[in-house]
Protein backbone atom coordinates (compact mmCIF):
# COMPACT_ATOMS: atom_id res chain seq x y z
CA UNK A 1 164.05 4.45 84.57
CA UNK A 2 167.71 5.66 85.39
CA UNK A 3 167.87 7.19 88.84
CA UNK A 4 170.10 9.56 86.61
CA UNK A 5 167.39 10.72 84.41
CA UNK A 6 164.53 10.65 87.53
CA UNK A 7 166.86 13.34 89.92
CA UNK A 8 166.32 15.63 87.31
CA UNK A 9 162.71 15.22 86.40
CA UNK A 10 161.94 15.75 89.73
CA UNK A 11 163.62 18.53 90.45
CA UNK A 12 161.64 20.32 87.67
CA UNK A 13 158.41 19.48 88.81
CA UNK A 14 159.20 20.71 92.37
CA UNK A 15 160.06 23.92 90.51
CA UNK A 16 156.70 23.80 88.59
CA UNK A 17 154.98 22.68 92.03
CA UNK A 18 156.43 25.93 93.95
CA UNK A 19 155.08 28.24 91.59
CA UNK A 20 150.82 26.76 91.39
CA UNK A 21 151.28 26.11 95.22
CA UNK A 22 151.26 29.23 96.80
CA UNK A 23 147.49 31.03 96.96
CA UNK A 24 147.72 33.87 98.99
CA UNK A 25 144.08 34.99 99.91
CA UNK A 26 142.72 32.10 98.99
CA UNK A 27 139.26 32.29 97.51
CA UNK A 28 138.32 29.94 100.17
CA UNK A 29 138.10 33.01 102.68
CA UNK A 30 135.19 34.59 100.47
CA UNK A 31 132.96 31.53 101.10
CA UNK A 32 133.79 30.63 104.41
CA UNK A 33 133.38 32.07 107.85
CA UNK A 34 136.10 33.55 109.81
CA UNK A 35 136.32 31.90 114.04
CA UNK A 36 137.19 35.47 115.68
CA UNK A 37 138.31 34.36 119.79
CA UNK A 38 138.85 37.05 122.01
CA UNK A 39 138.58 37.37 125.64
CA UNK A 40 136.87 34.12 126.00
CA UNK A 41 134.10 34.71 123.10
CA UNK A 42 133.49 33.03 120.47
CA UNK A 43 132.21 35.12 117.41
CA UNK A 44 131.10 33.95 113.78
CA UNK A 45 131.55 36.85 111.28
CA UNK A 46 130.90 36.49 107.72
CA UNK A 47 133.47 37.53 105.28
CA UNK A 48 133.32 38.21 101.94
CA UNK A 49 130.10 36.42 101.30
CA UNK A 50 128.77 37.63 97.92
CA UNK A 51 131.02 41.05 97.79
CA UNK A 52 133.36 41.62 94.99
CA UNK A 53 136.77 41.88 97.12
CA UNK A 54 139.25 42.68 93.76
CA UNK A 55 141.93 41.31 92.37
CA UNK A 56 144.04 38.60 94.13
CA UNK A 57 147.41 39.22 94.55
CA UNK A 58 150.47 37.86 95.68
CA UNK A 59 152.92 39.48 98.05
CA UNK A 60 156.49 40.83 96.25
CA UNK A 61 158.00 38.17 98.96
CA UNK A 62 156.44 35.28 96.84
CA UNK A 63 158.77 36.72 94.14
CA UNK A 64 161.63 36.76 95.47
CA UNK A 65 161.42 33.68 96.42
CA UNK A 66 160.33 32.30 93.70
CA UNK A 67 163.74 34.08 91.72
CA UNK A 68 165.84 33.12 93.95
CA UNK A 69 164.95 29.00 94.13
CA UNK A 70 164.19 28.95 90.63
CA UNK A 71 167.94 30.22 90.00
CA UNK A 72 169.35 27.93 92.03
CA UNK A 73 167.20 25.11 90.77
CA UNK A 74 168.64 26.47 87.04
CA UNK A 75 171.90 26.51 87.57
CA UNK A 76 172.52 23.43 89.64
CA UNK A 77 171.18 21.59 86.45
CA UNK A 78 173.05 23.45 84.18
CA UNK A 79 176.18 23.01 86.63
CA UNK A 80 175.31 18.84 86.77
CA UNK A 81 175.21 18.94 82.71
CA UNK A 82 178.72 19.96 82.51
CA UNK A 83 179.99 17.22 84.52
CA UNK A 84 178.05 14.29 82.93
CA UNK A 85 179.90 12.71 80.18
CA UNK A 86 176.60 11.41 78.55
CA UNK A 87 175.67 13.91 75.98
CA UNK A 88 172.00 12.77 75.94
CA UNK A 89 171.54 13.05 79.62
CA UNK A 90 174.02 16.04 79.67
CA UNK A 91 171.60 17.71 76.53
CA UNK A 92 168.64 16.68 79.03
CA UNK A 93 169.97 18.70 82.00
CA UNK A 94 170.27 21.76 79.95
CA UNK A 95 166.88 21.54 78.43
CA UNK A 96 165.24 21.37 82.16
CA UNK A 97 167.33 24.09 82.77
CA UNK A 98 165.40 26.52 80.98
CA UNK A 99 162.40 26.30 82.55
CA UNK A 100 163.42 27.31 86.19
CA UNK A 101 165.78 30.05 84.32
CA UNK A 102 162.21 31.04 82.43
CA UNK A 103 160.78 31.37 85.80
CA UNK A 104 163.48 33.51 87.20
CA UNK A 105 162.62 35.78 83.80
CA UNK A 106 159.38 36.32 84.54
CA UNK A 107 159.72 36.97 88.26
CA UNK A 108 162.35 39.77 87.80
CA UNK A 109 161.15 41.40 84.18
CA UNK A 110 157.43 40.44 83.81
CA UNK A 111 155.97 40.53 87.02
CA UNK A 112 154.58 44.49 87.89
CA UNK A 113 155.91 45.14 91.30
CA UNK A 114 154.59 48.45 90.91
CA UNK A 115 150.96 47.56 90.58
CA UNK A 116 151.63 44.77 93.25
CA UNK A 117 152.39 46.87 96.21
CA UNK A 118 150.12 49.08 94.92
CA UNK A 119 147.05 46.89 95.13
CA UNK A 120 148.20 45.46 98.41
CA UNK A 121 148.74 48.80 99.81
CA UNK A 122 144.83 49.95 99.28
CA UNK A 123 143.84 46.48 100.38
CA UNK A 124 145.93 47.72 103.97
CA UNK A 125 143.87 50.58 103.97
CA UNK A 126 140.33 48.99 103.19
CA UNK A 127 141.62 46.87 106.32
CA UNK A 128 142.37 50.29 108.27
CA UNK A 129 139.03 51.57 107.38
CA UNK A 130 137.57 48.90 109.12
CA UNK A 131 138.88 49.22 111.95
CA UNK A 132 138.09 52.94 111.56
CA UNK A 133 134.55 51.72 111.99
CA UNK A 134 135.18 49.59 114.71
CA UNK A 135 136.91 52.46 116.80
CA UNK A 136 133.74 54.81 116.22
CA UNK A 137 131.92 51.87 117.35
CA UNK A 138 133.68 51.20 120.20
CA UNK A 139 133.76 54.42 121.63
CA UNK A 140 129.70 54.92 120.97
CA UNK A 141 129.25 51.81 122.68
CA UNK A 142 131.42 52.66 126.04
CA UNK A 143 129.51 56.19 125.54
CA UNK A 144 126.32 54.58 126.24
CA UNK A 145 127.46 51.75 128.42
CA UNK A 146 130.34 52.61 129.93
CA UNK A 147 132.81 49.94 128.72
CA UNK A 148 134.23 48.34 125.28
CA UNK A 149 132.52 45.54 123.65
CA UNK A 150 134.40 42.43 123.47
CA UNK A 151 131.86 40.33 121.23
CA UNK A 152 132.25 41.52 117.59
CA UNK A 153 128.69 40.51 116.44
CA UNK A 154 127.39 42.78 119.17
CA UNK A 155 129.86 45.62 118.22
CA UNK A 156 128.63 45.39 114.48
CA UNK A 157 124.88 46.41 115.41
CA UNK A 158 126.31 49.51 116.44
CA UNK A 159 128.25 50.41 113.25
CA UNK A 160 125.32 51.76 110.82
CA UNK A 161 126.23 55.37 111.82
CA UNK A 162 129.85 54.31 110.65
CA UNK A 163 128.90 53.01 107.61
CA UNK A 164 129.63 49.35 108.75
CA UNK A 165 132.68 46.78 108.09
CA UNK A 166 133.66 46.32 104.62
CA UNK A 167 133.30 42.46 103.71
CA UNK A 168 135.88 42.05 102.28
CA UNK A 169 138.02 42.43 105.55
CA UNK A 170 138.62 39.80 108.06
CA UNK A 171 138.60 41.14 111.75
CA UNK A 172 141.47 38.70 112.89
CA UNK A 173 140.78 39.63 116.44
CA UNK A 174 139.66 41.81 119.07
CA UNK A 175 141.06 42.64 122.51
CA UNK A 176 139.73 44.62 125.32
CA UNK A 177 141.84 45.10 128.27
CA UNK A 178 140.05 47.76 130.92
CA UNK A 179 140.14 51.16 129.45
CA UNK A 180 142.00 50.63 126.12
CA UNK A 181 141.27 48.00 124.07
CA UNK A 182 142.79 46.83 120.45
CA UNK A 183 141.85 44.84 116.93
CA UNK A 184 143.41 43.29 114.09
CA UNK A 185 142.43 43.02 110.81
CA UNK A 186 143.39 41.83 107.18
CA UNK A 187 142.10 41.96 103.40
CA UNK A 188 140.96 38.69 101.95
CA UNK A 189 143.28 38.99 99.66
CA UNK A 190 146.03 40.12 101.70
CA UNK A 191 148.29 38.62 103.76
CA UNK A 192 148.77 41.78 105.38
CA UNK A 193 147.67 42.72 108.81
CA UNK A 194 146.46 45.96 110.61
CA UNK A 195 145.94 46.86 113.68
CA UNK A 196 144.17 49.38 115.77
CA UNK A 197 144.53 50.36 119.47
CA UNK A 198 142.57 52.35 121.02
CA UNK A 199 144.70 54.82 122.07
CA UNK A 200 147.04 55.35 119.53
CA UNK A 201 145.53 54.46 116.45
CA UNK A 202 146.39 52.43 113.40
CA UNK A 203 149.74 50.56 112.73
CA UNK A 204 149.34 51.13 109.17
CA UNK A 205 150.02 55.32 109.81
CA UNK A 206 152.98 54.52 111.69
CA UNK A 207 154.77 52.23 108.80
């Protein structure tokens, strides 16, 4: 096969690969253990085991990038075809251009951004709720022992009155510094992160 034919085929395969390769909040998060490292201690925390964590969605930024790159690829193939003299190859390039342009149409007219943003916001709220429960557990432990816990596994045993922690939320980080602490969490199907600082509360409410 001639090089002039291989180039457009390669571009087409690249565009298709971009669409299907991005997998945020991968299902691996549901079946794995989260390694949380904080203040020199290593804690294994089960995440999403046997839980219904909702719908897996891609962030709006993914579709925005998909729209941009597919538009570039589509018009690139179209204009390449204009400058070719051989009609069969010209028509082939124009045919290949339909695929990325079709992806652009999908990203701009068929993606429900309102539903997507609402779902991701609800996932962030779930992460915030888990952090609120941790905050309650931290304060209870400090009242009893005089200091904040650095070990998540030990902290979880103090969360019975705070309704536990959502199994679909990953606690990414827990830090304790003197009389203050902070934690960062994320829903297994969201790329967003929510931070809670002991003295100031959630970053979600601050925007």
